[in-house]
Amino acid sequence: QARDGLDDPERLLAEVASATDDTAKQFAALGNEEIAQVLAVAAK
């Protein structure tokens, strides 16, 4: 049961990774490449 419970954090992690990627793309589109790069590399 404890092992199966690890599926929830994995789903949440995927959501955080996706949101971070989306935010990095938004910053890049606004010309804030440095912020976008920090988000992309650190998040990954």
All heavy atoms as atom14 arrays in JSON, in Angstrom:
{
  "sequence": "QARDGLDDPERLLAEVASATDDTAKQFAALGNEEIAQVLAVAAK",
  "atom14_mask": [
    [1, 1, 1, 1, 1, 1, 1, 1, 1, 0, 0, 0, 0, 0],
    [1, 1, 1, 1, 1, 0, 0, 0, 0, 0, 0, 0, 0, 0],
    [1, 1, 1, 1, 1, 1, 1, 1, 1, 1, 1, 0, 0, 0],
    [1, 1, 1, 1, 1, 1, 1, 1, 0, 0, 0, 0, 0, 0],
    [1, 1, 1, 1, 0, 0, 0, 0, 0, 0, 0, 0, 0, 0],
    [1, 1, 1, 1, 1, 1, 1, 1, 0, 0, 0, 0, 0, 0],
    [1, 1, 1, 1, 1, 1, 1, 1, 0, 0, 0, 0, 0, 0],
    [1, 1, 1, 1, 1, 1, 1, 1, 0, 0, 0, 0, 0, 0],
    [1, 1, 1, 1, 1, 1, 1, 0, 0, 0, 0, 0, 0, 0],
    [1, 1, 1, 1, 1, 1, 1, 1, 1, 0, 0, 0, 0, 0],
    [1, 1, 1, 1, 1, 1, 1, 1, 1, 1, 1, 0, 0, 0],
    [1, 1, 1, 1, 1, 1, 1, 1, 0, 0, 0, 0, 0, 0],
    [1, 1, 1, 1, 1, 1, 1, 1, 0, 0, 0, 0, 0, 0],
    [1, 1, 1, 1, 1, 0, 0, 0, 0, 0, 0, 0, 0, 0],
    [1, 1, 1, 1, 1, 1, 1, 1, 1, 0, 0, 0, 0, 0],
    [1, 1, 1, 1, 1, 1, 1, 0, 0, 0, 0, 0, 0, 0],
    [1, 1, 1, 1, 1, 0, 0, 0, 0, 0, 0, 0, 0, 0],
    [1, 1, 1, 1, 1, 1, 0, 0, 0, 0, 0, 0, 0, 0],
    [1, 1, 1, 1, 1, 0, 0, 0, 0, 0, 0, 0, 0, 0],
    [1, 1, 1, 1, 1, 1, 1, 0, 0, 0, 0, 0, 0, 0],
    [1, 1, 1, 1, 1, 1, 1, 1, 0, 0, 0, 0, 0, 0],
    [1, 1, 1, 1, 1, 1, 1, 1, 0, 0, 0, 0, 0, 0],
    [1, 1, 1, 1, 1, 1, 1, 0, 0, 0, 0, 0, 0, 0],
    [1, 1, 1, 1, 1, 0, 0, 0, 0, 0, 0, 0, 0, 0],
    [1, 1, 1, 1, 1, 1, 1, 1, 1, 0, 0, 0, 0, 0],
    [1, 1, 1, 1, 1, 1, 1, 1, 1, 0, 0, 0, 0, 0],
    [1, 1, 1, 1, 1, 1, 1, 1, 1, 1, 1, 0, 0, 0],
    [1, 1, 1, 1, 1, 0, 0, 0, 0, 0, 0, 0, 0, 0],
    [1, 1, 1, 1, 1, 0, 0, 0, 0, 0, 0, 0, 0, 0],
    [1, 1, 1, 1, 1, 1, 1, 1, 0, 0, 0, 0, 0, 0],
    [1, 1, 1, 1, 0, 0, 0, 0, 0, 0, 0, 0, 0, 0],
    [1, 1, 1, 1, 1, 1, 1, 1, 0, 0, 0, 0, 0, 0],
    [1, 1, 1, 1, 1, 1, 1, 1, 1, 0, 0, 0, 0, 0],
    [1, 1, 1, 1, 1, 1, 1, 1, 1, 0, 0, 0, 0, 0],
    [1, 1, 1, 1, 1, 1, 1, 1, 0, 0, 0, 0, 0, 0],
    [1, 1, 1, 1, 1, 0, 0, 0, 0, 0, 0, 0, 0, 0],
    [1, 1, 1, 1, 1, 1, 1, 1, 1, 0, 0, 0, 0, 0],
    [1, 1, 1, 1, 1, 1, 1, 0, 0, 0, 0, 0, 0, 0],
    [1, 1, 1, 1, 1, 1, 1, 1, 0, 0, 0, 0, 0, 0],
    [1, 1, 1, 1, 1, 0, 0, 0, 0, 0, 0, 0, 0, 0],
    [1, 1, 1, 1, 1, 1, 1, 0, 0, 0, 0, 0, 0, 0],
    [1, 1, 1, 1, 1, 0, 0, 0, 0, 0, 0, 0, 0, 0],
    [1, 1, 1, 1, 1, 0, 0, 0, 0, 0, 0, 0, 0, 0],
    [1, 1, 1, 1, 1, 1, 1, 1, 1, 0, 0, 0, 0, 0]
  ],
  "atom14_positions": [
    [[0.83, -1.2, 0.0], [0.0, 0.0, 0.0], [0.87, 1.26, 0.0], [0.59, 2.22, -0.71], [-0.93, 0.0, 1.2], [-1.89, 1.16, 1.23], [-2.85, 1.08, 2.42], [-2.67, 0.29, 3.34], [-3.86, 1.91, 2.39], [0.0, 0.0, 0.0], [0.0, 0.0, 0.0], [0.0, 0.0, 0.0], [0.0, 0.0, 0.0], [0.0, 0.0, 0.0]],
    [[1.93, 1.24, 0.78], [2.84, 2.39, 0.82], [3.5, 2.57, -0.53], [3.63, 3.7, -1.03], [3.9, 2.18, 1.91], [0.0, 0.0, 0.0], [0.0, 0.0, 0.0], [0.0, 0.0, 0.0], [0.0, 0.0, 0.0], [0.0, 0.0, 0.0], [0.0, 0.0, 0.0], [0.0, 0.0, 0.0], [0.0, 0.0, 0.0], [0.0, 0.0, 0.0]],
    [[3.9, 1.49, -1.17], [4.52, 1.57, -2.5], [3.54, 2.14, -3.5], [3.88, 3.0, -4.31], [4.98, 0.18, -2.94], [5.83, 0.21, -4.21], [5.26, -0.75, -5.23], [6.11, -0.83, -6.4], [5.88, -0.16, -7.51], [4.87, 0.65, -7.6], [6.66, -0.28, -8.56], [0.0, 0.0, 0.0], [0.0, 0.0, 0.0], [0.0, 0.0, 0.0]],
    [[2.3, 1.66, -3.47], [1.27, 2.15, -4.39], [0.99, 3.64, -4.15], [0.64, 4.36, -5.08], [-0.01, 1.34, -4.24], [0.14, -0.09, -4.73], [1.12, -0.39, -5.44], [-0.74, -0.92, -4.38], [0.0, 0.0, 0.0], [0.0, 0.0, 0.0], [0.0, 0.0, 0.0], [0.0, 0.0, 0.0], [0.0, 0.0, 0.0], [0.0, 0.0, 0.0]],
    [[1.18, 4.08, -2.92], [0.96, 5.48, -2.59], [1.96, 6.42, -3.26], [1.74, 7.63, -3.3], [0.0, 0.0, 0.0], [0.0, 0.0, 0.0], [0.0, 0.0, 0.0], [0.0, 0.0, 0.0], [0.0, 0.0, 0.0], [0.0, 0.0, 0.0], [0.0, 0.0, 0.0], [0.0, 0.0, 0.0], [0.0, 0.0, 0.0], [0.0, 0.0, 0.0]],
    [[3.04, 5.87, -3.78], [4.04, 6.7, -4.47], [3.56, 7.16, -5.84], [4.2, 8.01, -6.46], [5.36, 5.94, -4.59], [6.07, 5.65, -3.27], [7.26, 4.73, -3.51], [6.5, 6.93, -2.6], [0.0, 0.0, 0.0], [0.0, 0.0, 0.0], [0.0, 0.0, 0.0], [0.0, 0.0, 0.0], [0.0, 0.0, 0.0], [0.0, 0.0, 0.0]],
    [[2.45, 6.62, -6.31], [1.92, 7.05, -7.6], [1.4, 8.48, -7.55], [1.53, 9.22, -8.53], [0.81, 6.11, -8.07], [1.34, 4.72, -8.43], [2.56, 4.59, -8.69], [0.53, 3.78, -8.45], [0.0, 0.0, 0.0], [0.0, 0.0, 0.0], [0.0, 0.0, 0.0], [0.0, 0.0, 0.0], [0.0, 0.0, 0.0], [0.0, 0.0, 0.0]],
    [[0.83, 8.88, -6.43], [0.31, 10.25, -6.3], [1.41, 11.3, -6.41], [1.26, 12.25, -7.19], [-0.47, 10.42, -4.99], [-1.8, 9.69, -5.01], [-2.36, 9.45, -6.11], [-2.29, 9.34, -3.92], [0.0, 0.0, 0.0], [0.0, 0.0, 0.0], [0.0, 0.0, 0.0], [0.0, 0.0, 0.0], [0.0, 0.0, 0.0], [0.0, 0.0, 0.0]],
    [[2.52, 11.16, -5.69], [3.59, 12.15, -5.86], [4.12, 12.19, -7.3], [4.49, 13.25, -7.79], [4.68, 11.69, -4.89], [3.98, 10.88, -3.87], [2.83, 10.24, -4.59], [0.0, 0.0, 0.0], [0.0, 0.0, 0.0], [0.0, 0.0, 0.0], [0.0, 0.0, 0.0], [0.0, 0.0, 0.0], [0.0, 0.0, 0.0], [0.0, 0.0, 0.0]],
    [[4.14, 11.06, -7.97], [4.62, 11.03, -9.36], [3.7, 11.85, -10.25], [4.17, 12.61, -11.11], [4.71, 9.59, -9.86], [5.26, 9.45, -11.26], [6.72, 9.84, -11.4], [7.51, 9.48, -10.52], [7.07, 10.51, -12.38], [0.0, 0.0, 0.0], [0.0, 0.0, 0.0], [0.0, 0.0, 0.0], [0.0, 0.0, 0.0], [0.0, 0.0, 0.0]],
    [[2.39, 11.72, -10.05], [1.44, 12.51, -10.84], [1.6, 14.0, -10.54], [1.58, 14.83, -11.45], [0.0, 12.07, -10.55], [-0.42, 10.84, -11.33], [-1.91, 10.59, -11.21], [-2.32, 10.25, -9.87], [-2.28, 9.02, -9.36], [-1.84, 8.03, -10.07], [-2.68, 8.8, -8.13], [0.0, 0.0, 0.0], [0.0, 0.0, 0.0], [0.0, 0.0, 0.0]],
    [[1.74, 14.33, -9.26], [1.92, 15.74, -8.88], [3.22, 16.29, -9.45], [3.27, 17.44, -9.9], [1.89, 15.88, -7.36], [0.56, 15.59, -6.68], [0.73, 15.57, -5.17], [-0.48, 16.6, -7.1], [0.0, 0.0, 0.0], [0.0, 0.0, 0.0], [0.0, 0.0, 0.0], [0.0, 0.0, 0.0], [0.0, 0.0, 0.0], [0.0, 0.0, 0.0]],
    [[4.26, 15.49, -9.44], [5.54, 15.91, -9.99], [5.41, 16.2, -11.48], [5.95, 17.19, -11.98], [6.6, 14.84, -9.74], [8.0, 15.14, -10.25], [8.56, 16.4, -9.61], [8.9, 13.94, -9.99], [0.0, 0.0, 0.0], [0.0, 0.0, 0.0], [0.0, 0.0, 0.0], [0.0, 0.0, 0.0], [0.0, 0.0, 0.0], [0.0, 0.0, 0.0]],
    [[4.67, 15.38, -12.19], [4.45, 15.61, -13.62], [3.72, 16.93, -13.84], [4.04, 17.68, -14.78], [3.68, 14.45, -14.23], [0.0, 0.0, 0.0], [0.0, 0.0, 0.0], [0.0, 0.0, 0.0], [0.0, 0.0, 0.0], [0.0, 0.0, 0.0], [0.0, 0.0, 0.0], [0.0, 0.0, 0.0], [0.0, 0.0, 0.0], [0.0, 0.0, 0.0]],
    [[2.76, 17.22, -12.99], [2.02, 18.49, -13.1], [2.94, 19.68, -12.85], [2.9, 20.68, -13.56], [0.85, 18.51, -12.13], [-0.27, 17.56, -12.5], [-1.35, 17.51, -11.44], [-1.43, 18.41, -10.57], [-2.16, 16.55, -11.48], [0.0, 0.0, 0.0], [0.0, 0.0, 0.0], [0.0, 0.0, 0.0], [0.0, 0.0, 0.0], [0.0, 0.0, 0.0]],
    [[3.79, 19.57, -11.83], [4.72, 20.66, -11.51], [5.71, 20.85, -12.66], [5.99, 21.98, -13.07], [5.47, 20.37, -10.18], [6.65, 21.3, -10.0], [4.51, 20.48, -9.01], [0.0, 0.0, 0.0], [0.0, 0.0, 0.0], [0.0, 0.0, 0.0], [0.0, 0.0, 0.0], [0.0, 0.0, 0.0], [0.0, 0.0, 0.0], [0.0, 0.0, 0.0]],
    [[6.21, 19.76, -13.2], [7.16, 19.85, -14.31], [6.52, 20.5, -15.52], [7.13, 21.37, -16.18], [7.68, 18.45, -14.67], [0.0, 0.0, 0.0], [0.0, 0.0, 0.0], [0.0, 0.0, 0.0], [0.0, 0.0, 0.0], [0.0, 0.0, 0.0], [0.0, 0.0, 0.0], [0.0, 0.0, 0.0], [0.0, 0.0, 0.0], [0.0, 0.0, 0.0]],
    [[5.29, 20.14, -15.81], [4.58, 20.72, -16.95], [4.32, 22.21, -16.73], [4.52, 23.02, -17.64], [3.25, 19.97, -17.16], [2.54, 20.55, -18.22], [0.0, 0.0, 0.0], [0.0, 0.0, 0.0], [0.0, 0.0, 0.0], [0.0, 0.0, 0.0], [0.0, 0.0, 0.0], [0.0, 0.0, 0.0], [0.0, 0.0, 0.0], [0.0, 0.0, 0.0]],
    [[3.88, 22.57, -15.54], [3.61, 23.97, -15.24], [4.89, 24.8, -15.31], [4.89, 25.94, -15.81], [2.97, 24.11, -13.85], [0.0, 0.0, 0.0], [0.0, 0.0, 0.0], [0.0, 0.0, 0.0], [0.0, 0.0, 0.0], [0.0, 0.0, 0.0], [0.0, 0.0, 0.0], [0.0, 0.0, 0.0], [0.0, 0.0, 0.0], [0.0, 0.0, 0.0]],
    [[5.98, 24.23, -14.83], [7.27, 24.94, -14.88], [7.71, 25.15, -16.32], [8.17, 26.23, -16.7], [8.34, 24.17, -14.09], [7.89, 24.02, -12.74], [9.67, 24.9, -14.09], [0.0, 0.0, 0.0], [0.0, 0.0, 0.0], [0.0, 0.0, 0.0], [0.0, 0.0, 0.0], [0.0, 0.0, 0.0], [0.0, 0.0, 0.0], [0.0, 0.0, 0.0]],
    [[7.54, 24.12, -17.13], [7.9, 24.21, -18.54], [7.05, 25.29, -19.24], [7.57, 26.1, -20.0], [7.72, 22.85, -19.22], [8.18, 22.86, -20.66], [9.32, 23.28, -20.91], [7.4, 22.44, -21.54], [0.0, 0.0, 0.0], [0.0, 0.0, 0.0], [0.0, 0.0, 0.0], [0.0, 0.0, 0.0], [0.0, 0.0, 0.0], [0.0, 0.0, 0.0]],
    [[5.76, 25.28, -18.95], [4.87, 26.3, -19.54], [5.29, 27.71, -19.12], [5.31, 28.63, -19.95], [3.42, 26.05, -19.13], [2.83, 24.79, -19.75], [3.43, 24.25, -20.7], [1.77, 24.34, -19.26], [0.0, 0.0, 0.0], [0.0, 0.0, 0.0], [0.0, 0.0, 0.0], [0.0, 0.0, 0.0], [0.0, 0.0, 0.0], [0.0, 0.0, 0.0]],
    [[5.63, 27.87, -17.86], [6.04, 29.19, -17.36], [7.35, 29.62, -17.99], [7.52, 30.79, -18.37], [6.16, 29.17, -15.82], [4.89, 28.77, -15.27], [6.53, 30.53, -15.27], [0.0, 0.0, 0.0], [0.0, 0.0, 0.0], [0.0, 0.0, 0.0], [0.0, 0.0, 0.0], [0.0, 0.0, 0.0], [0.0, 0.0, 0.0], [0.0, 0.0, 0.0]],
    [[8.28, 28.7, -18.14], [9.56, 29.01, -18.79], [9.32, 29.47, -20.22], [9.93, 30.45, -20.69], [10.48, 27.79, -18.77], [0.0, 0.0, 0.0], [0.0, 0.0, 0.0], [0.0, 0.0, 0.0], [0.0, 0.0, 0.0], [0.0, 0.0, 0.0], [0.0, 0.0, 0.0], [0.0, 0.0, 0.0], [0.0, 0.0, 0.0], [0.0, 0.0, 0.0]],
    [[8.43, 28.81, -20.93], [8.1, 29.21, -22.3], [7.47, 30.6, -22.35], [7.75, 31.38, -23.27], [7.17, 28.19, -22.94], [7.87, 26.88, -23.26], [6.89, 25.86, -23.81], [7.59, 24.53, -24.05], [6.65, 23.48, -24.43], [0.0, 0.0, 0.0], [0.0, 0.0, 0.0], [0.0, 0.0, 0.0], [0.0, 0.0, 0.0], [0.0, 0.0, 0.0]],
    [[6.64, 30.91, -21.36], [6.03, 32.24, -21.31], [7.09, 33.32, -21.1], [7.06, 34.36, -21.75], [4.98, 32.3, -20.19], [3.73, 31.49, -20.5], [2.8, 31.41, -19.3], [3.09, 31.93, -18.22], [1.67, 30.73, -19.48], [0.0, 0.0, 0.0], [0.0, 0.0, 0.0], [0.0, 0.0, 0.0], [0.0, 0.0, 0.0], [0.0, 0.0, 0.0]],
    [[8.02, 33.06, -20.18], [9.1, 34.03, -19.97], [9.96, 34.18, -21.22], [10.36, 35.29, -21.56], [9.96, 33.64, -18.77], [9.41, 34.1, -17.45], [8.82, 33.21, -16.56], [9.48, 35.44, -17.09], [8.31, 33.65, -15.36], [8.97, 35.89, -15.88], [8.38, 34.99, -15.01], [0.0, 0.0, 0.0], [0.0, 0.0, 0.0], [0.0, 0.0, 0.0]],
    [[10.22, 33.08, -21.9], [11.01, 33.15, -23.13], [10.28, 33.97, -24.19], [10.9, 34.79, -24.89], [11.31, 31.75, -23.65], [0.0, 0.0, 0.0], [0.0, 0.0, 0.0], [0.0, 0.0, 0.0], [0.0, 0.0, 0.0], [0.0, 0.0, 0.0], [0.0, 0.0, 0.0], [0.0, 0.0, 0.0], [0.0, 0.0, 0.0], [0.0, 0.0, 0.0]],
    [[8.98, 33.77, -24.3], [8.19, 34.52, -25.28], [8.19, 36.02, -24.97], [8.08, 36.84, -25.88], [6.76, 33.99, -25.32], [0.0, 0.0, 0.0], [0.0, 0.0, 0.0], [0.0, 0.0, 0.0], [0.0, 0.0, 0.0], [0.0, 0.0, 0.0], [0.0, 0.0, 0.0], [0.0, 0.0, 0.0], [0.0, 0.0, 0.0], [0.0, 0.0, 0.0]],
    [[8.34, 36.36, -23.71], [8.37, 37.77, -23.3], [9.79, 38.34, -23.39], [10.02, 39.5, -23.03], [7.85, 37.92, -21.87], [6.36, 37.61, -21.68], [6.02, 37.58, -20.19], [5.49, 38.61, -22.42], [0.0, 0.0, 0.0], [0.0, 0.0, 0.0], [0.0, 0.0, 0.0], [0.0, 0.0, 0.0], [0.0, 0.0, 0.0], [0.0, 0.0, 0.0]],
    [[10.73, 37.52, -23.82], [12.11, 37.99, -23.97], [12.95, 37.85, -22.72], [14.07, 38.35, -22.67], [0.0, 0.0, 0.0], [0.0, 0.0, 0.0], [0.0, 0.0, 0.0], [0.0, 0.0, 0.0], [0.0, 0.0, 0.0], [0.0, 0.0, 0.0], [0.0, 0.0, 0.0], [0.0, 0.0, 0.0], [0.0, 0.0, 0.0], [0.0, 0.0, 0.0]],
    [[12.45, 37.18, -21.72], [13.2, 36.96, -20.47], [13.88, 35.59, -20.52], [13.56, 34.68, -19.77], [12.26, 37.05, -19.26], [11.72, 38.43, -19.04], [12.45, 39.4, -19.15], [10.43, 38.52, -18.75], [0.0, 0.0, 0.0], [0.0, 0.0, 0.0], [0.0, 0.0, 0.0], [0.0, 0.0, 0.0], [0.0, 0.0, 0.0], [0.0, 0.0, 0.0]],
    [[14.85, 35.49, -21.43], [15.53, 34.21, -21.65], [16.27, 33.71, -20.42], [16.33, 32.51, -20.17], [16.51, 34.33, -22.81], [15.86, 34.32, -24.16], [15.17, 33.0, -24.48], [15.67, 31.94, -24.06], [14.13, 33.05, -25.13], [0.0, 0.0, 0.0], [0.0, 0.0, 0.0], [0.0, 0.0, 0.0], [0.0, 0.0, 0.0], [0.0, 0.0, 0.0]],
    [[16.84, 34.63, -19.66], [17.62, 34.22, -18.49], [16.72, 33.51, -17.47], [17.07, 32.45, -16.94], [18.31, 35.42, -17.85], [19.29, 35.03, -16.77], [20.09, 36.21, -16.25], [20.18, 37.26, -16.93], [20.64, 36.08, -15.14], [0.0, 0.0, 0.0], [0.0, 0.0, 0.0], [0.0, 0.0, 0.0], [0.0, 0.0, 0.0], [0.0, 0.0, 0.0]],
    [[15.55, 34.1, -17.21], [14.61, 33.47, -16.27], [14.14, 32.14, -16.84], [14.07, 31.14, -16.12], [13.43, 34.4, -15.98], [13.9, 35.64, -15.21], [12.34, 33.67, -15.19], [12.84, 36.71, -15.04], [0.0, 0.0, 0.0], [0.0, 0.0, 0.0], [0.0, 0.0, 0.0], [0.0, 0.0, 0.0], [0.0, 0.0, 0.0], [0.0, 0.0, 0.0]],
    [[13.82, 32.14, -18.12], [13.35, 30.91, -18.76], [14.39, 29.8, -18.65], [14.06, 28.64, -18.35], [13.02, 31.17, -20.22], [0.0, 0.0, 0.0], [0.0, 0.0, 0.0], [0.0, 0.0, 0.0], [0.0, 0.0, 0.0], [0.0, 0.0, 0.0], [0.0, 0.0, 0.0], [0.0, 0.0, 0.0], [0.0, 0.0, 0.0], [0.0, 0.0, 0.0]],
    [[15.66, 30.17, -18.85], [16.74, 29.18, -18.77], [16.9, 28.65, -17.35], [17.07, 27.44, -17.15], [18.06, 29.8, -19.27], [19.19, 28.82, -19.37], [18.97, 27.79, -20.46], [18.18, 27.97, -21.37], [19.67, 26.68, -20.34], [0.0, 0.0, 0.0], [0.0, 0.0, 0.0], [0.0, 0.0, 0.0], [0.0, 0.0, 0.0], [0.0, 0.0, 0.0]],
    [[16.84, 29.53, -16.38], [16.96, 29.1, -14.98], [15.83, 28.14, -14.64], [16.06, 27.08, -14.03], [16.96, 30.32, -14.02], [16.79, 29.88, -12.58], [18.23, 31.13, -14.19], [0.0, 0.0, 0.0], [0.0, 0.0, 0.0], [0.0, 0.0, 0.0], [0.0, 0.0, 0.0], [0.0, 0.0, 0.0], [0.0, 0.0, 0.0], [0.0, 0.0, 0.0]],
    [[14.62, 28.49, -15.03], [13.48, 27.61, -14.76], [13.63, 26.26, -15.44], [13.41, 25.22, -14.82], [12.17, 28.27, -15.21], [11.65, 29.42, -14.38], [10.44, 30.05, -15.05], [11.29, 28.94, -12.98], [0.0, 0.0, 0.0], [0.0, 0.0, 0.0], [0.0, 0.0, 0.0], [0.0, 0.0, 0.0], [0.0, 0.0, 0.0], [0.0, 0.0, 0.0]],
    [[14.01, 26.29, -16.69], [14.12, 25.05, -17.45], [15.19, 24.12, -16.9], [14.95, 22.92, -16.69], [14.39, 25.35, -18.92], [0.0, 0.0, 0.0], [0.0, 0.0, 0.0], [0.0, 0.0, 0.0], [0.0, 0.0, 0.0], [0.0, 0.0, 0.0], [0.0, 0.0, 0.0], [0.0, 0.0, 0.0], [0.0, 0.0, 0.0], [0.0, 0.0, 0.0]],
    [[16.36, 24.66, -16.63], [17.47, 23.82, -16.15], [17.24, 23.37, -14.71], [17.37, 22.17, -14.41], [18.81, 24.59, -16.27], [19.93, 23.82, -15.59], [19.14, 24.83, -17.74], [0.0, 0.0, 0.0], [0.0, 0.0, 0.0], [0.0, 0.0, 0.0], [0.0, 0.0, 0.0], [0.0, 0.0, 0.0], [0.0, 0.0, 0.0], [0.0, 0.0, 0.0]],
    [[16.89, 24.29, -13.84], [16.7, 23.94, -12.43], [15.55, 22.95, -12.27], [15.67, 21.96, -11.54], [16.46, 25.18, -11.6], [0.0, 0.0, 0.0], [0.0, 0.0, 0.0], [0.0, 0.0, 0.0], [0.0, 0.0, 0.0], [0.0, 0.0, 0.0], [0.0, 0.0, 0.0], [0.0, 0.0, 0.0], [0.0, 0.0, 0.0], [0.0, 0.0, 0.0]],
    [[14.45, 23.21, -12.96], [13.3, 22.32, -12.84], [13.64, 20.93, -13.33], [13.3, 19.93, -12.7], [12.11, 22.89, -13.6], [0.0, 0.0, 0.0], [0.0, 0.0, 0.0], [0.0, 0.0, 0.0], [0.0, 0.0, 0.0], [0.0, 0.0, 0.0], [0.0, 0.0, 0.0], [0.0, 0.0, 0.0], [0.0, 0.0, 0.0], [0.0, 0.0, 0.0]],
    [[14.34, 20.85, -14.46], [14.69, 19.53, -14.99], [15.59, 18.78, -14.01], [15.35, 17.62, -13.71], [15.39, 19.65, -16.34], [15.71, 18.3, -16.94], [16.6, 18.4, -18.14], [16.98, 17.05, -18.7], [17.3, 16.0, -17.78], [0.0, 0.0, 0.0], [0.0, 0.0, 0.0], [0.0, 0.0, 0.0], [0.0, 0.0, 0.0], [0.0, 0.0, 0.0]]
  ]
}
